[in-house]
N, C-alpha and C. Protein backbone atom coordinates (compact mmCIF):
# COMPACT_ATOMS: atom_id res chain seq x y z
N MET A 1 95.17 91.92 86.61
CA MET A 1 96.25 91.99 87.34
C MET A 1 95.74 91.16 88.96
N GLU A 2 96.35 89.94 89.21
CA GLU A 2 95.80 89.25 90.36
C GLU A 2 96.86 89.77 91.40
N ILE A 3 96.09 90.11 92.48
CA ILE A 3 97.11 90.09 93.68
C ILE A 3 96.53 89.08 94.60
N VAL A 4 97.84 88.31 95.03
CA VAL A 4 97.88 87.03 95.87
C VAL A 4 98.29 87.49 97.24
N ILE A 5 97.51 87.17 98.40
CA ILE A 5 97.88 87.41 99.77
C ILE A 5 98.14 86.09 100.32
N THR A 6 99.43 86.30 100.65
CA THR A 6 100.14 84.87 101.37
C THR A 6 100.36 85.54 103.15
N THR A 7 100.48 84.65 103.70
CA THR A 7 101.01 84.62 105.17
C THR A 7 102.89 84.44 105.16
N GLU A 8 103.25 85.30 105.53
CA GLU A 8 104.94 85.49 105.48
C GLU A 8 105.05 84.60 106.98
N LYS A 9 105.95 83.50 106.74
CA LYS A 9 106.40 82.66 107.93
C LYS A 9 107.89 82.92 108.65
N THR A 10 108.48 83.72 107.90
CA THR A 10 110.00 84.02 107.71
C THR A 10 110.69 85.39 107.13
N LEU A 11 111.34 85.71 107.69
CA LEU A 11 111.82 87.15 107.20
C LEU A 11 112.74 86.82 105.88
N THR A 12 112.38 86.60 104.79
CA THR A 12 113.20 86.64 103.47
C THR A 12 113.62 87.85 103.09
N ASP A 13 114.87 87.88 102.35
CA ASP A 13 115.45 89.10 101.80
C ASP A 13 114.32 89.92 101.50
N GLU A 14 113.26 89.47 100.30
CA GLU A 14 112.51 90.33 99.51
C GLU A 14 111.48 91.15 100.63
N LEU A 15 111.02 90.08 102.02
CA LEU A 15 110.17 91.00 102.89
C LEU A 15 111.08 92.09 103.50
N ALA A 16 112.06 91.82 103.86
CA ALA A 16 113.26 92.92 104.50
C ALA A 16 113.32 93.92 103.77
N GLN A 17 113.27 93.85 102.34
CA GLN A 17 113.32 94.97 101.81
C GLN A 17 112.27 95.88 101.46
N VAL A 18 110.85 94.90 101.72
CA VAL A 18 109.79 95.88 101.60
C VAL A 18 109.72 96.55 103.09
N LEU A 19 110.22 95.97 104.10
CA LEU A 19 109.81 96.45 105.43
C LEU A 19 111.04 97.48 105.89
N GLU A 20 112.25 97.63 105.24
CA GLU A 20 113.10 98.78 105.03
C GLU A 20 112.45 99.94 104.55
N ALA A 21 111.64 99.70 103.41
CA ALA A 21 111.10 100.86 102.75
C ALA A 21 110.22 101.48 103.34
N HIS A 22 109.43 100.51 104.33
CA HIS A 22 108.39 100.82 105.11
C HIS A 22 109.02 101.99 106.21
N TRP A 23 110.12 101.17 107.16
CA TRP A 23 110.72 102.07 108.07
C TRP A 23 111.33 103.36 107.28
N LEU A 24 111.96 103.45 106.06
CA LEU A 24 112.41 104.62 105.71
C LEU A 24 111.27 105.90 105.44
N PHE A 25 110.07 105.34 104.82
CA PHE A 25 108.97 105.95 104.87
C PHE A 25 108.78 106.84 106.05
N CYS A 26 108.60 105.90 107.05
CA CYS A 26 107.74 106.54 108.42
C CYS A 26 108.98 107.31 109.06
N THR A 27 110.10 106.96 108.89
CA THR A 27 111.09 108.17 109.58
C THR A 27 111.48 108.96 108.82
N SER A 28 111.21 109.07 107.64
CA SER A 28 111.71 110.48 106.73
C SER A 28 110.52 111.60 106.87
N SER A 29 109.42 111.12 107.30
CA SER A 29 108.45 112.18 107.56
C SER A 29 107.81 112.54 109.04
N THR A 30 108.43 111.34 109.89
CA THR A 30 108.11 111.59 111.14
C THR A 30 109.08 111.62 112.11
N PRO A 31 109.19 112.46 113.10
CA PRO A 31 110.36 112.26 114.24
C PRO A 31 110.38 110.97 114.60
N ILE A 32 111.50 110.46 115.17
CA ILE A 32 111.77 109.04 115.25
C ILE A 32 111.15 108.69 116.72
N GLU A 33 111.06 109.75 117.70
CA GLU A 33 110.36 109.40 118.98
C GLU A 33 108.62 109.30 118.66
N HIS A 34 107.99 109.60 117.47
CA HIS A 34 106.68 109.11 117.47
C HIS A 34 106.48 108.40 116.56
N VAL A 35 107.82 107.44 116.08
CA VAL A 35 107.57 106.49 114.99
C VAL A 35 107.15 105.21 115.63
N TYR A 36 106.18 104.48 115.37
CA TYR A 36 105.39 103.23 116.10
C TYR A 36 105.68 101.88 115.36
N ALA A 37 106.61 102.19 114.34
CA ALA A 37 106.75 100.94 113.21
C ALA A 37 107.50 99.96 113.70
N LEU A 38 107.21 98.78 113.79
CA LEU A 38 107.93 97.46 114.20
C LEU A 38 109.18 97.21 113.41
N ASP A 39 110.31 97.06 113.84
CA ASP A 39 111.24 96.44 112.67
C ASP A 39 111.28 95.22 112.76
N ALA A 40 111.77 94.44 111.78
CA ALA A 40 111.75 93.21 111.28
C ALA A 40 111.63 92.10 112.19
N SER A 41 112.30 92.16 113.39
CA SER A 41 112.61 91.04 114.25
C SER A 41 111.47 91.18 115.25
N LYS A 42 110.70 92.17 115.35
CA LYS A 42 109.57 92.40 116.20
C LYS A 42 108.19 91.84 115.54
N LEU A 43 108.13 91.71 114.30
CA LEU A 43 107.08 91.31 113.39
C LEU A 43 106.96 89.72 113.56
N PHE A 44 108.02 89.28 113.76
CA PHE A 44 107.53 87.46 113.86
C PHE A 44 107.74 87.26 115.40
N ALA A 45 106.99 88.04 116.45
CA ALA A 45 106.87 87.86 117.82
C ALA A 45 105.27 87.08 117.75
N SER A 46 105.13 86.29 119.19
CA SER A 46 103.84 85.65 119.24
C SER A 46 102.87 86.51 118.94
N GLY A 47 101.72 86.29 118.52
CA GLY A 47 100.43 87.25 118.55
C GLY A 47 100.64 88.24 117.15
N ILE A 48 101.41 87.68 116.44
CA ILE A 48 101.27 88.77 115.27
C ILE A 48 101.74 88.16 113.97
N THR A 49 100.76 88.11 113.04
CA THR A 49 100.64 87.46 111.81
C THR A 49 101.05 88.41 110.58
N VAL A 50 102.10 87.92 109.63
CA VAL A 50 102.59 88.87 108.79
C VAL A 50 101.98 88.36 107.19
N PHE A 51 101.48 89.52 106.48
CA PHE A 51 101.15 89.09 105.35
C PHE A 51 101.78 89.66 104.18
N GLY A 52 101.66 88.97 103.19
CA GLY A 52 102.39 89.70 101.75
C GLY A 52 101.58 89.51 100.55
N ALA A 53 101.78 90.71 99.83
CA ALA A 53 100.91 91.03 98.46
C ALA A 53 102.06 90.87 97.51
N ARG A 54 101.54 89.98 96.31
CA ARG A 54 102.11 89.43 95.15
C ARG A 54 101.67 89.77 93.94
N VAL A 55 102.21 90.14 93.03
CA VAL A 55 101.71 90.21 91.96
C VAL A 55 102.77 89.72 90.79
N ASP A 56 102.27 88.73 90.16
CA ASP A 56 103.04 87.79 89.49
C ASP A 56 104.47 87.56 90.07
N GLY A 57 104.34 86.69 91.47
CA GLY A 57 105.25 86.70 92.08
C GLY A 57 106.30 87.61 92.93
N GLU A 58 106.14 88.72 92.43
CA GLU A 58 106.65 89.92 93.14
C GLU A 58 106.00 90.66 94.44
N LEU A 59 106.87 90.56 95.38
CA LEU A 59 106.30 91.27 96.94
C LEU A 59 106.20 92.55 96.80
N LEU A 60 104.83 93.21 96.68
CA LEU A 60 104.85 94.63 96.60
C LEU A 60 104.11 95.16 97.63
N GLY A 61 103.69 94.62 98.55
CA GLY A 61 103.06 95.05 99.85
C GLY A 61 103.14 93.81 100.93
N VAL A 62 102.79 94.70 102.20
CA VAL A 62 102.79 93.95 103.51
C VAL A 62 101.66 94.51 104.22
N GLY A 63 101.66 93.67 105.32
CA GLY A 63 100.83 94.21 106.36
C GLY A 63 100.61 93.04 107.35
N ALA A 64 100.28 93.28 108.74
CA ALA A 64 100.56 92.35 109.83
C ALA A 64 99.33 92.67 110.60
N LEU A 65 99.10 91.66 111.49
CA LEU A 65 97.84 91.81 112.29
C LEU A 65 98.36 91.15 113.77
N ARG A 66 98.10 92.46 114.70
CA ARG A 66 98.75 92.05 116.01
C ARG A 66 97.49 91.89 117.05
N LYS A 67 97.66 90.77 117.39
CA LYS A 67 96.43 90.64 118.54
C LYS A 67 96.73 91.46 119.83
N LEU A 68 95.43 92.09 120.36
CA LEU A 68 95.78 92.73 121.35
C LEU A 68 94.85 92.50 122.68
N ASP A 69 93.76 91.59 122.30
CA ASP A 69 93.12 90.90 123.23
C ASP A 69 92.51 89.98 122.30
N ASP A 70 91.28 89.15 123.10
CA ASP A 70 90.54 87.90 122.32
C ASP A 70 89.67 88.78 121.32
N GLU A 71 89.42 89.92 121.45
CA GLU A 71 88.30 90.61 120.46
C GLU A 71 88.94 92.10 119.68
N HIS A 72 90.32 92.29 120.01
CA HIS A 72 90.71 93.51 119.58
C HIS A 72 92.03 93.32 118.93
N ALA A 73 92.07 93.45 117.83
CA ALA A 73 93.41 93.34 117.07
C ALA A 73 93.64 94.67 116.50
N GLU A 74 95.02 94.84 115.80
CA GLU A 74 95.57 96.05 115.06
C GLU A 74 96.40 95.67 113.82
N LEU A 75 96.18 96.60 113.22
CA LEU A 75 96.87 96.58 111.68
C LEU A 75 98.13 97.07 112.15
N LYS A 76 99.21 96.44 111.65
CA LYS A 76 100.59 96.96 112.03
C LYS A 76 101.49 96.72 110.40
N SER A 77 102.28 97.82 110.20
CA SER A 77 103.34 97.45 109.28
C SER A 77 102.82 97.33 107.74
N MET A 78 101.81 98.21 107.61
CA MET A 78 100.87 98.22 106.44
C MET A 78 101.92 99.31 105.20
N HIS A 79 102.26 98.62 104.14
CA HIS A 79 103.25 99.34 103.19
C HIS A 79 102.74 98.48 102.11
N THR A 80 102.96 99.50 101.00
CA THR A 80 102.92 99.38 99.48
C THR A 80 104.21 100.03 98.86
N LEU A 81 105.01 99.18 98.29
CA LEU A 81 106.02 99.86 97.53
C LEU A 81 105.58 100.86 96.58
N ALA A 82 106.28 102.16 96.60
CA ALA A 82 105.98 103.30 95.82
C ALA A 82 105.55 103.01 94.41
N LYS A 83 106.24 102.10 93.82
CA LYS A 83 106.01 101.70 92.20
C LYS A 83 104.81 101.23 92.19
N SER A 84 104.00 100.74 93.06
CA SER A 84 103.00 99.84 92.82
C SER A 84 101.57 100.79 93.66
N ARG A 85 101.95 101.79 93.95
CA ARG A 85 100.71 102.31 94.70
C ARG A 85 99.37 102.56 93.76
N GLY A 86 98.41 102.60 94.38
CA GLY A 86 97.14 103.14 93.29
C GLY A 86 96.50 101.82 92.78
N LEU A 87 97.08 100.66 92.89
CA LEU A 87 96.71 99.54 92.47
C LEU A 87 95.60 98.72 93.11
N GLY A 88 95.39 99.23 94.38
CA GLY A 88 94.48 98.31 95.38
C GLY A 88 95.27 97.27 96.05
N ILE A 89 96.44 97.23 96.12
CA ILE A 89 97.06 96.18 96.86
C ILE A 89 97.01 96.29 98.46
N GLY A 90 96.84 97.92 98.84
CA GLY A 90 96.74 98.04 100.40
C GLY A 90 95.34 97.67 100.70
N ARG A 91 94.36 97.99 99.63
CA ARG A 91 92.90 97.53 100.15
C ARG A 91 92.95 96.02 100.25
N GLU A 92 93.61 95.21 99.31
CA GLU A 92 93.28 93.84 99.27
C GLU A 92 94.24 93.29 100.62
N ILE A 93 95.08 93.85 100.87
CA ILE A 93 95.66 93.64 102.18
C ILE A 93 95.08 93.61 103.50
N VAL A 94 94.12 95.08 103.46
CA VAL A 94 93.22 95.19 104.25
C VAL A 94 92.19 94.12 104.69
N ALA A 95 91.62 93.84 103.52
CA ALA A 95 90.52 93.03 103.31
C ALA A 95 90.64 91.58 103.98
N HIS A 96 91.84 91.27 103.72
CA HIS A 96 92.45 89.98 104.00
C HIS A 96 92.63 89.85 105.41
N ILE A 97 93.56 90.73 105.85
CA ILE A 97 93.78 90.79 107.54
C ILE A 97 92.22 90.82 107.99
N GLU A 98 91.50 91.69 107.51
CA GLU A 98 89.91 91.95 108.48
C GLU A 98 89.25 90.38 108.27
N ASN A 99 89.46 89.75 107.16
CA ASN A 99 88.78 88.35 106.92
C ASN A 99 89.34 87.19 108.11
N PHE A 100 90.84 87.23 107.97
CA PHE A 100 91.53 86.50 108.98
C PHE A 100 91.19 86.92 110.36
N ALA A 101 91.34 88.27 110.70
CA ALA A 101 90.89 88.63 111.82
C ALA A 101 89.53 87.95 112.52
N ARG A 102 88.35 88.08 111.59
CA ARG A 102 87.07 87.47 111.99
C ARG A 102 87.20 85.78 112.22
N THR A 103 87.94 85.08 111.44
CA THR A 103 88.46 83.68 112.09
C THR A 103 88.98 83.76 113.13
N GLN A 104 89.36 84.60 113.66
CA GLN A 104 90.33 84.49 115.00
C GLN A 104 89.17 84.75 116.17
N GLY A 105 88.17 85.41 115.78
CA GLY A 105 87.04 85.85 116.82
C GLY A 105 87.38 87.45 117.35
N ILE A 106 88.02 88.15 116.24
CA ILE A 106 88.19 89.56 116.44
C ILE A 106 86.93 90.30 115.92
N ASN A 107 86.64 91.20 116.85
CA ASN A 107 85.36 92.00 116.17
C ASN A 107 85.88 93.39 116.01
N ARG A 108 87.13 93.91 116.40
CA ARG A 108 87.34 95.38 116.49
C ARG A 108 88.79 95.39 115.90
N MET A 109 89.10 96.12 114.88
CA MET A 109 90.58 96.64 114.48
C MET A 109 90.95 97.86 114.51
N SER A 110 91.91 98.18 114.93
CA SER A 110 92.50 99.58 115.18
C SER A 110 93.71 99.63 114.22
N LEU A 111 94.23 100.75 114.22
CA LEU A 111 95.57 101.16 113.84
C LEU A 111 96.25 102.53 114.07
N GLU A 112 97.45 102.52 114.17
CA GLU A 112 98.17 104.14 114.09
C GLU A 112 98.73 104.37 112.94
N THR A 113 98.51 105.70 112.55
CA THR A 113 99.34 105.92 111.40
C THR A 113 99.69 107.60 111.36
N GLY A 114 100.48 107.93 110.50
CA GLY A 114 101.01 109.39 110.45
C GLY A 114 99.91 110.23 109.98
N ALA A 115 100.03 111.29 110.86
CA ALA A 115 98.79 112.49 110.74
C ALA A 115 99.31 113.60 109.70
N THR A 116 100.45 113.45 109.26
CA THR A 116 101.14 114.34 108.34
C THR A 116 100.89 114.13 106.91
N GLU A 117 101.27 115.33 105.94
CA GLU A 117 100.73 115.15 104.53
C GLU A 117 101.20 113.67 103.92
N PRO A 118 102.53 113.23 103.88
CA PRO A 118 102.64 112.04 103.21
C PRO A 118 101.88 110.84 103.40
N PHE A 119 101.13 110.91 104.97
CA PHE A 119 100.53 109.74 105.21
C PHE A 119 98.68 109.69 104.76
N LYS A 120 98.61 110.99 104.13
CA LYS A 120 97.13 111.37 103.63
C LYS A 120 96.19 109.92 103.07
N PRO A 121 97.18 109.95 102.22
CA PRO A 121 96.61 108.51 101.44
C PRO A 121 96.26 107.20 102.05
N ALA A 122 97.00 107.22 103.17
CA ALA A 122 96.93 106.04 104.03
C ALA A 122 95.76 106.24 104.78
N ARG A 123 95.36 107.39 105.18
CA ARG A 123 94.54 107.83 106.17
C ARG A 123 93.03 107.64 105.12
N GLU A 124 93.12 108.44 103.97
CA GLU A 124 92.11 107.98 102.88
C GLU A 124 91.58 106.84 102.91
N LEU A 125 92.53 106.05 102.62
CA LEU A 125 92.27 104.36 102.19
C LEU A 125 91.59 103.84 103.46
N TYR A 126 92.03 103.83 104.94
CA TYR A 126 91.47 103.58 105.82
C TYR A 126 89.71 104.01 105.98
N LYS A 127 89.71 105.20 105.78
CA LYS A 127 88.32 106.08 106.07
C LYS A 127 87.28 105.35 105.08
N SER A 128 87.88 105.16 103.83
CA SER A 128 87.22 104.72 102.71
C SER A 128 86.61 103.17 103.41
N LEU A 129 87.41 102.55 103.86
CA LEU A 129 87.02 101.25 104.34
C LEU A 129 86.46 101.02 105.90
N GLY A 130 85.80 102.52 106.12
CA GLY A 130 85.33 102.17 107.32
C GLY A 130 85.77 102.88 108.71
N TYR A 131 86.97 102.92 108.69
CA TYR A 131 87.84 103.44 109.99
C TYR A 131 87.33 104.75 110.38
N GLN A 132 87.58 104.72 111.80
CA GLN A 132 87.11 106.25 112.15
C GLN A 132 88.19 106.48 113.08
N GLU A 133 88.64 108.09 113.38
CA GLU A 133 89.62 108.38 114.09
C GLU A 133 89.08 108.04 115.54
N CYS A 134 90.05 107.77 116.63
CA CYS A 134 89.88 107.20 117.90
C CYS A 134 90.61 107.85 118.77
N GLU A 135 90.28 107.42 120.12
CA GLU A 135 91.43 107.81 121.33
C GLU A 135 92.44 106.78 120.97
N ALA A 136 93.85 107.11 121.44
CA ALA A 136 95.01 106.46 121.57
C ALA A 136 94.57 104.88 122.08
N PHE A 137 95.24 104.20 121.87
CA PHE A 137 94.96 102.62 122.31
C PHE A 137 96.08 101.78 122.40
N ALA A 138 96.15 100.80 123.45
CA ALA A 138 97.17 100.16 123.52
C ALA A 138 98.32 100.92 124.30
N ASP A 139 99.61 100.95 123.67
CA ASP A 139 100.61 101.98 123.95
C ASP A 139 100.93 102.99 123.53
N TYR A 140 100.06 103.28 122.54
CA TYR A 140 100.08 104.47 121.71
C TYR A 140 99.99 105.53 122.58
N VAL A 141 100.69 107.25 122.05
CA VAL A 141 100.41 108.21 122.46
C VAL A 141 100.09 109.14 121.34
N LEU A 142 98.93 109.89 121.63
CA LEU A 142 98.83 110.62 120.47
C LEU A 142 99.64 112.01 120.12
N THR A 143 100.21 112.40 119.21
CA THR A 143 100.87 113.40 119.31
C THR A 143 100.21 114.11 117.86
N GLU A 144 100.80 115.37 117.45
CA GLU A 144 100.63 116.15 116.09
C GLU A 144 101.03 115.39 114.64
N ASP A 145 101.78 114.47 115.08
CA ASP A 145 102.65 113.17 114.09
C ASP A 145 101.79 112.23 113.89
N ASN A 146 100.98 111.70 114.63
CA ASN A 146 100.29 110.68 114.54
C ASN A 146 98.81 110.46 114.72
N THR A 147 97.80 109.39 114.15
CA THR A 147 96.52 109.30 114.51
C THR A 147 96.08 107.90 114.82
N CYS A 148 95.09 107.61 115.71
CA CYS A 148 94.69 106.59 115.40
C CYS A 148 93.22 106.41 115.20
N MET A 149 92.86 105.03 114.77
CA MET A 149 91.64 104.86 114.29
C MET A 149 91.05 103.67 114.25
N THR A 150 89.50 103.34 114.34
CA THR A 150 89.31 102.04 114.65
C THR A 150 87.97 101.42 113.78
N LYS A 151 87.80 100.49 113.72
CA LYS A 151 86.58 99.92 113.06
C LYS A 151 85.93 98.50 113.68
N LEU A 152 84.76 98.59 113.94
CA LEU A 152 84.24 97.07 114.34
C LEU A 152 84.21 96.16 112.81
N ILE A 153 84.26 95.17 113.04
CA ILE A 153 84.25 94.26 112.00
C ILE A 153 83.74 92.80 111.99
């Protein structure tokens, strides 16, 4: 199985469906006031690069890089469709985003994710990739529903 990571330039129907699945996952397990997921219209803003992961041409996962400053960026909108979890798609997206970030002069990556049970696989993935829990960064506020993680790259 070959996972192909591409830069997404526009909001296609296929991308919108994966982002909708991400939004529904986040809001089904986290109170809306603690959800920091970006809606699709905000993902294509300045300073954000969106990536898609495809297998046999089908979009199965997404992730984005939001530049916070010249050396610090954030993983955003990481999501793998439920039917494709466990295949290494999330790991490939993170690796691709980290490599892209390095080419942009970024040396620190951070993220915010859920702290509840449904997000446990995501937290375990990030820990396995060297991310460690940290204080809130950017405009985040830590609650019982979320956690922040960071890594030097």
